[in-house]
PDB file of all heavy atoms in Angstrom:
ATOM      1  N   ASP A   1     -18.229 -20.249  27.876  1.00  0.00           N
ATOM      2  CA  ASP A   1     -16.847 -19.800  27.663  1.00  0.00           C
ATOM      3  C   ASP A   1     -15.878 -20.382  28.698  1.00  0.00           C
ATOM      4  O   ASP A   1     -14.734 -20.697  28.382  1.00  0.00           O
ATOM      5  CB  ASP A   1     -16.791 -18.273  27.710  1.00  0.00           C
ATOM      6  CG  ASP A   1     -17.391 -17.636  26.468  1.00  0.00           C
ATOM      7  OD1 ASP A   1     -17.553 -18.351  25.457  1.00  0.00           O
ATOM      8  OD2 ASP A   1     -17.706 -16.429  26.514  1.00  0.00           O
ATOM      9  N   SER A   2     -16.342 -20.539  29.919  1.00  0.00           N
ATOM     10  CA  SER A   2     -15.474 -21.019  30.999  1.00  0.00           C
ATOM     11  C   SER A   2     -15.059 -22.481  30.813  1.00  0.00           C
ATOM     12  O   SER A   2     -14.130 -22.954  31.462  1.00  0.00           O
ATOM     13  CB  SER A   2     -16.152 -20.852  32.348  1.00  0.00           C
ATOM     14  OG  SER A   2     -17.352 -21.599  32.389  1.00  0.00           O
ATOM     15  N   LEU A   3     -15.760 -23.190  29.916  1.00  0.00           N
ATOM     16  CA  LEU A   3     -15.485 -24.613  29.734  1.00  0.00           C
ATOM     17  C   LEU A   3     -14.744 -24.943  28.450  1.00  0.00           C
ATOM     18  O   LEU A   3     -14.246 -26.056  28.299  1.00  0.00           O
ATOM     19  CB  LEU A   3     -16.792 -25.416  29.729  1.00  0.00           C
ATOM     20  CG  LEU A   3     -17.716 -25.291  30.911  1.00  0.00           C
ATOM     21  CD1 LEU A   3     -18.843 -26.295  30.802  1.00  0.00           C
ATOM     22  CD2 LEU A   3     -16.965 -25.473  32.220  1.00  0.00           C
ATOM     23  N   LYS A   4     -14.702 -23.997  27.540  1.00  0.00           N
ATOM     24  CA  LYS A   4     -14.135 -24.271  26.223  1.00  0.00           C
ATOM     25  C   LYS A   4     -12.703 -24.779  26.332  1.00  0.00           C
ATOM     26  O   LYS A   4     -11.893 -24.219  27.059  1.00  0.00           O
ATOM     27  CB  LYS A   4     -14.184 -23.021  25.356  1.00  0.00           C
ATOM     28  CG  LYS A   4     -15.581 -22.675  24.880  1.00  0.00           C
ATOM     29  CD  LYS A   4     -15.585 -21.427  24.011  1.00  0.00           C
ATOM     30  CE  LYS A   4     -16.998 -21.106  23.547  1.00  0.00           C
ATOM     31  NZ  LYS A   4     -17.045 -19.845  22.747  1.00  0.00           N
ATOM     32  N   GLY A   5     -12.456 -25.874  25.628  1.00  0.00           N
ATOM     33  CA  GLY A   5     -11.137 -26.476  25.616  1.00  0.00           C
ATOM     34  C   GLY A   5     -10.887 -27.454  26.745  1.00  0.00           C
ATOM     35  O   GLY A   5      -9.892 -28.167  26.738  1.00  0.00           O
ATOM     36  N   ARG A   6     -11.773 -27.491  27.728  1.00  0.00           N
ATOM     37  CA  ARG A   6     -11.590 -28.392  28.867  1.00  0.00           C
ATOM     38  C   ARG A   6     -12.622 -29.503  28.889  1.00  0.00           C
ATOM     39  O   ARG A   6     -12.342 -30.606  29.355  1.00  0.00           O
ATOM     40  CB  ARG A   6     -11.657 -27.612  30.179  1.00  0.00           C
ATOM     41  CG  ARG A   6     -10.609 -26.530  30.318  1.00  0.00           C
ATOM     42  CD  ARG A   6     -10.551 -25.965  31.733  1.00  0.00           C
ATOM     43  NE  ARG A   6     -11.802 -25.332  32.135  1.00  0.00           N
ATOM     44  CZ  ARG A   6     -12.525 -25.707  33.195  1.00  0.00           C
ATOM     45  NH1 ARG A   6     -12.126 -26.718  33.935  1.00  0.00           N
ATOM     46  NH2 ARG A   6     -13.621 -25.046  33.511  1.00  0.00           N
ATOM     47  N   PHE A   7     -13.818 -29.233  28.452  1.00  0.00           N
ATOM     48  CA  PHE A   7     -14.913 -30.198  28.500  1.00  0.00           C
ATOM     49  C   PHE A   7     -15.320 -30.609  27.098  1.00  0.00           C
ATOM     50  O   PHE A   7     -15.244 -29.815  26.152  1.00  0.00           O
ATOM     51  CB  PHE A   7     -16.137 -29.603  29.199  1.00  0.00           C
ATOM     52  CG  PHE A   7     -15.994 -29.420  30.692  1.00  0.00           C
ATOM     53  CD1 PHE A   7     -14.773 -29.423  31.330  1.00  0.00           C
ATOM     54  CD2 PHE A   7     -17.132 -29.201  31.459  1.00  0.00           C
ATOM     55  CE1 PHE A   7     -14.659 -29.233  32.697  1.00  0.00           C
ATOM     56  CE2 PHE A   7     -17.042 -29.007  32.835  1.00  0.00           C
ATOM     57  CZ  PHE A   7     -15.810 -29.016  33.454  1.00  0.00           C
ATOM     58  N   THR A   8     -15.771 -31.848  26.967  1.00  0.00           N
ATOM     59  CA  THR A   8     -16.300 -32.363  25.703  1.00  0.00           C
ATOM     60  C   THR A   8     -17.650 -33.003  25.974  1.00  0.00           C
ATOM     61  O   THR A   8     -17.784 -33.800  26.911  1.00  0.00           O
ATOM     62  CB  THR A   8     -15.357 -33.406  25.090  1.00  0.00           C
ATOM     63  OG1 THR A   8     -14.066 -32.823  24.879  1.00  0.00           O
ATOM     64  CG2 THR A   8     -15.905 -33.909  23.763  1.00  0.00           C
ATOM     65  N   ILE A   9     -18.620 -32.661  25.161  1.00  0.00           N
ATOM     66  CA  ILE A   9     -19.941 -33.278  25.278  1.00  0.00           C
ATOM     67  C   ILE A   9     -20.145 -34.209  24.094  1.00  0.00           C
ATOM     68  O   ILE A   9     -19.749 -33.899  22.960  1.00  0.00           O
ATOM     69  CB  ILE A   9     -21.050 -32.212  25.352  1.00  0.00           C
ATOM     70  CG1 ILE A   9     -22.412 -32.851  25.633  1.00  0.00           C
ATOM     71  CG2 ILE A   9     -21.081 -31.341  24.098  1.00  0.00           C
ATOM     72  CD1 ILE A   9     -23.519 -31.817  25.920  1.00  0.00           C
ATOM     73  N   SER A  10     -20.745 -35.349  24.357  1.00  0.00           N
ATOM     74  CA  SER A  10     -21.010 -36.313  23.278  1.00  0.00           C
ATOM     75  C   SER A  10     -22.277 -37.094  23.620  1.00  0.00           C
ATOM     76  O   SER A  10     -22.801 -36.993  24.742  1.00  0.00           O
ATOM     77  CB  SER A  10     -19.819 -37.264  23.098  1.00  0.00           C
ATOM     78  OG  SER A  10     -19.571 -38.004  24.274  1.00  0.00           O
ATOM     79  N   ARG A  11     -22.745 -37.836  22.657  1.00  0.00           N
ATOM     80  CA  ARG A  11     -23.963 -38.626  22.860  1.00  0.00           C
ATOM     81  C   ARG A  11     -23.871 -39.939  22.092  1.00  0.00           C
ATOM     82  O   ARG A  11     -23.210 -40.023  21.051  1.00  0.00           O
ATOM     83  CB  ARG A  11     -25.188 -37.830  22.423  1.00  0.00           C
ATOM     84  CG  ARG A  11     -25.240 -37.516  20.945  1.00  0.00           C
ATOM     85  CD  ARG A  11     -26.314 -36.476  20.638  1.00  0.00           C
ATOM     86  NE  ARG A  11     -27.653 -36.954  20.989  1.00  0.00           N
ATOM     87  CZ  ARG A  11     -28.707 -36.155  21.166  1.00  0.00           C
ATOM     88  NH1 ARG A  11     -28.569 -34.837  21.025  1.00  0.00           N
ATOM     89  NH2 ARG A  11     -29.883 -36.666  21.466  1.00  0.00           N
ATOM     90  N   ASP A  12     -24.554 -40.937  22.622  1.00  0.00           N
ATOM     91  CA  ASP A  12     -24.714 -42.216  21.944  1.00  0.00           C
ATOM     92  C   ASP A  12     -26.208 -42.440  21.827  1.00  0.00           C
ATOM     93  O   ASP A  12     -26.868 -42.863  22.799  1.00  0.00           O
ATOM     94  CB  ASP A  12     -24.030 -43.334  22.744  1.00  0.00           C
ATOM     95  CG  ASP A  12     -24.055 -44.672  22.015  1.00  0.00           C
ATOM     96  OD1 ASP A  12     -24.954 -44.880  21.175  1.00  0.00           O
ATOM     97  OD2 ASP A  12     -23.187 -45.509  22.289  1.00  0.00           O
ATOM     98  N   ASN A  13     -26.761 -42.126  20.675  1.00  0.00           N
ATOM     99  CA  ASN A  13     -28.206 -42.220  20.503  1.00  0.00           C
ATOM    100  C   ASN A  13     -28.699 -43.663  20.622  1.00  0.00           C
ATOM    101  O   ASN A  13     -29.821 -43.892  21.082  1.00  0.00           O
ATOM    102  CB  ASN A  13     -28.618 -41.628  19.168  1.00  0.00           C
ATOM    103  CG  ASN A  13     -28.510 -40.111  19.134  1.00  0.00           C
ATOM    104  OD1 ASN A  13     -28.563 -39.446  20.184  1.00  0.00           O
ATOM    105  ND2 ASN A  13     -28.335 -39.555  17.951  1.00  0.00           N
ATOM    106  N   ALA A  14     -27.887 -44.624  20.238  1.00  0.00           N
ATOM    107  CA  ALA A  14     -28.290 -46.029  20.339  1.00  0.00           C
ATOM    108  C   ALA A  14     -28.458 -46.450  21.794  1.00  0.00           C
ATOM    109  O   ALA A  14     -29.241 -47.350  22.098  1.00  0.00           O
ATOM    110  CB  ALA A  14     -27.277 -46.912  19.650  1.00  0.00           C
ATOM    111  N   LYS A  15     -27.712 -45.804  22.686  1.00  0.00           N
ATOM    112  CA  LYS A  15     -27.792 -46.122  24.111  1.00  0.00           C
ATOM    113  C   LYS A  15     -28.590 -45.085  24.892  1.00  0.00           C
ATOM    114  O   LYS A  15     -28.663 -45.162  26.121  1.00  0.00           O
ATOM    115  CB  LYS A  15     -26.381 -46.235  24.698  1.00  0.00           C
ATOM    116  CG  LYS A  15     -25.552 -47.372  24.117  1.00  0.00           C
ATOM    117  CD  LYS A  15     -24.183 -47.436  24.778  1.00  0.00           C
ATOM    118  CE  LYS A  15     -23.374 -48.599  24.225  1.00  0.00           C
ATOM    119  NZ  LYS A  15     -22.019 -48.677  24.841  1.00  0.00           N
ATOM    120  N   SER A  16     -29.133 -44.081  24.191  1.00  0.00           N
ATOM    121  CA  SER A  16     -29.881 -43.004  24.852  1.00  0.00           C
ATOM    122  C   SER A  16     -29.062 -42.396  25.996  1.00  0.00           C
ATOM    123  O   SER A  16     -29.595 -42.158  27.092  1.00  0.00           O
ATOM    124  CB  SER A  16     -31.225 -43.517  25.376  1.00  0.00           C
ATOM    125  OG  SER A  16     -32.044 -43.937  24.306  1.00  0.00           O
ATOM    126  N   THR A  17     -27.806 -42.171  25.735  1.00  0.00           N
ATOM    127  CA  THR A  17     -26.891 -41.706  26.783  1.00  0.00           C
ATOM    128  C   THR A  17     -26.127 -40.475  26.327  1.00  0.00           C
ATOM    129  O   THR A  17     -25.638 -40.407  25.193  1.00  0.00           O
ATOM    130  CB  THR A  17     -25.909 -42.820  27.178  1.00  0.00           C
ATOM    131  OG1 THR A  17     -26.654 -43.959  27.638  1.00  0.00           O
ATOM    132  CG2 THR A  17     -24.985 -42.350  28.289  1.00  0.00           C
ATOM    133  N   LEU A  18     -26.048 -39.526  27.243  1.00  0.00           N
ATOM    134  CA  LEU A  18     -25.314 -38.281  27.053  1.00  0.00           C
ATOM    135  C   LEU A  18     -24.078 -38.335  27.941  1.00  0.00           C
ATOM    136  O   LEU A  18     -24.144 -38.847  29.066  1.00  0.00           O
ATOM    137  CB  LEU A  18     -26.197 -37.106  27.442  1.00  0.00           C
ATOM    138  CG  LEU A  18     -25.651 -35.703  27.269  1.00  0.00           C
ATOM    139  CD1 LEU A  18     -25.568 -35.348  25.787  1.00  0.00           C
ATOM    140  CD2 LEU A  18     -26.540 -34.697  28.002  1.00  0.00           C
ATOM    141  N   TYR A  19     -22.975 -37.791  27.435  1.00  0.00           N
ATOM    142  CA  TYR A  19     -21.724 -37.813  28.192  1.00  0.00           C
ATOM    143  C   TYR A  19     -21.149 -36.407  28.338  1.00  0.00           C
ATOM    144  O   TYR A  19     -21.378 -35.540  27.496  1.00  0.00           O
ATOM    145  CB  TYR A  19     -20.683 -38.684  27.482  1.00  0.00           C
ATOM    146  CG  TYR A  19     -21.104 -40.109  27.264  1.00  0.00           C
ATOM    147  CD1 TYR A  19     -21.577 -40.545  26.029  1.00  0.00           C
ATOM    148  CD2 TYR A  19     -21.029 -41.041  28.312  1.00  0.00           C
ATOM    149  CE1 TYR A  19     -21.967 -41.860  25.829  1.00  0.00           C
ATOM    150  CE2 TYR A  19     -21.420 -42.352  28.115  1.00  0.00           C
ATOM    151  CZ  TYR A  19     -21.891 -42.758  26.871  1.00  0.00           C
ATOM    152  OH  TYR A  19     -22.268 -44.064  26.680  1.00  0.00           O
ATOM    153  N   LEU A  20     -20.368 -36.223  29.382  1.00  0.00           N
ATOM    154  CA  LEU A  20     -19.587 -35.011  29.550  1.00  0.00           C
ATOM    155  C   LEU A  20     -18.210 -35.427  30.044  1.00  0.00           C
ATOM    156  O   LEU A  20     -18.072 -35.878  31.173  1.00  0.00           O
ATOM    157  CB  LEU A  20     -20.232 -34.040  30.539  1.00  0.00           C
ATOM    158  CG  LEU A  20     -19.552 -32.678  30.653  1.00  0.00           C
ATOM    159  CD1 LEU A  20     -19.730 -31.877  29.355  1.00  0.00           C
ATOM    160  CD2 LEU A  20     -20.115 -31.874  31.828  1.00  0.00           C
ATOM    161  N   GLN A  21     -17.218 -35.278  29.185  1.00  0.00           N
ATOM    162  CA  GLN A  21     -15.844 -35.550  29.562  1.00  0.00           C
ATOM    163  C   GLN A  21     -15.226 -34.251  30.060  1.00  0.00           C
ATOM    164  O   GLN A  21     -15.168 -33.270  29.319  1.00  0.00           O
ATOM    165  CB  GLN A  21     -15.046 -36.080  28.366  1.00  0.00           C
ATOM    166  CG  GLN A  21     -13.580 -36.310  28.652  1.00  0.00           C
ATOM    167  CD  GLN A  21     -13.347 -37.456  29.604  1.00  0.00           C
ATOM    168  OE1 GLN A  21     -13.808 -38.577  29.391  1.00  0.00           O
ATOM    169  NE2 GLN A  21     -12.611 -37.191  30.692  1.00  0.00           N
ATOM    170  N   MET A  22     -14.813 -34.267  31.310  1.00  0.00           N
ATOM    171  CA  MET A  22     -14.283 -33.064  31.938  1.00  0.00           C
ATOM    172  C   MET A  22     -12.800 -33.267  32.227  1.00  0.00           C
ATOM    173  O   MET A  22     -12.416 -34.282  32.825  1.00  0.00           O
ATOM    174  CB  MET A  22     -15.027 -32.777  33.234  1.00  0.00           C
ATOM    175  CG  MET A  22     -16.545 -32.706  33.055  1.00  0.00           C
ATOM    176  SD  MET A  22     -17.391 -32.201  34.563  1.00  0.00           S
ATOM    177  CE  MET A  22     -17.017 -33.591  35.610  1.00  0.00           C
ATOM    178  N   SER A  23     -11.978 -32.314  31.831  1.00  0.00           N
ATOM    179  CA  SER A  23     -10.555 -32.385  32.111  1.00  0.00           C
ATOM    180  C   SER A  23     -10.078 -31.034  32.609  1.00  0.00           C
ATOM    181  O   SER A  23     -10.813 -30.049  32.537  1.00  0.00           O
ATOM    182  CB  SER A  23      -9.780 -32.821  30.863  1.00  0.00           C
ATOM    183  OG  SER A  23      -9.980 -31.905  29.807  1.00  0.00           O
ATOM    184  N   SER A  24      -8.847 -31.012  33.118  1.00  0.00           N
ATOM    185  CA  SER A  24      -8.281 -29.785  33.682  1.00  0.00           C
ATOM    186  C   SER A  24      -9.258 -29.127  34.651  1.00  0.00           C
ATOM    187  O   SER A  24      -9.495 -27.921  34.613  1.00  0.00           O
ATOM    188  CB  SER A  24      -7.900 -28.808  32.570  1.00  0.00           C
ATOM    189  OG  SER A  24      -6.979 -29.377  31.678  1.00  0.00           O
ATOM    190  N   LEU A  25      -9.833 -29.939  35.511  1.00  0.00           N
ATOM    191  CA  LEU A  25     -10.869 -29.451  36.412  1.00  0.00           C
ATOM    192  C   LEU A  25     -10.318 -28.421  37.389  1.00  0.00           C
ATOM    193  O   LEU A  25      -9.168 -28.525  37.854  1.00  0.00           O
ATOM    194  CB  LEU A  25     -11.515 -30.618  37.155  1.00  0.00           C
ATOM    195  CG  LEU A  25     -12.521 -31.411  36.306  1.00  0.00           C
ATOM    196  CD1 LEU A  25     -12.774 -32.786  36.911  1.00  0.00           C
ATOM    197  CD2 LEU A  25     -13.813 -30.632  36.184  1.00  0.00           C
ATOM    198  N   LYS A  26     -11.177 -27.456  37.715  1.00  0.00           N
ATOM    199  CA  LYS A  26     -10.832 -26.363  38.621  1.00  0.00           C
ATOM    200  C   LYS A  26     -11.794 -26.388  39.805  1.00  0.00           C
ATOM    201  O   LYS A  26     -12.923 -26.873  39.682  1.00  0.00           O
ATOM    202  CB  LYS A  26     -10.945 -25.030  37.900  1.00  0.00           C
ATOM    203  CG  LYS A  26     -10.109 -24.929  36.632  1.00  0.00           C
ATOM    204  CD  LYS A  26     -10.357 -23.600  35.936  1.00  0.00           C
ATOM    205  CE  LYS A  26      -9.534 -23.476  34.656  1.00  0.00           C
ATOM    206  NZ  LYS A  26      -9.781 -22.182  33.967  1.00  0.00           N
TER     207      LYS A  26
END
């Protein structure tokens, strides 16, 4: 709940890579 609307998680299966885009950091 503390992250909703601020963070985005995504993945690129072809690159075997996980991402976390963080904004409005506290």
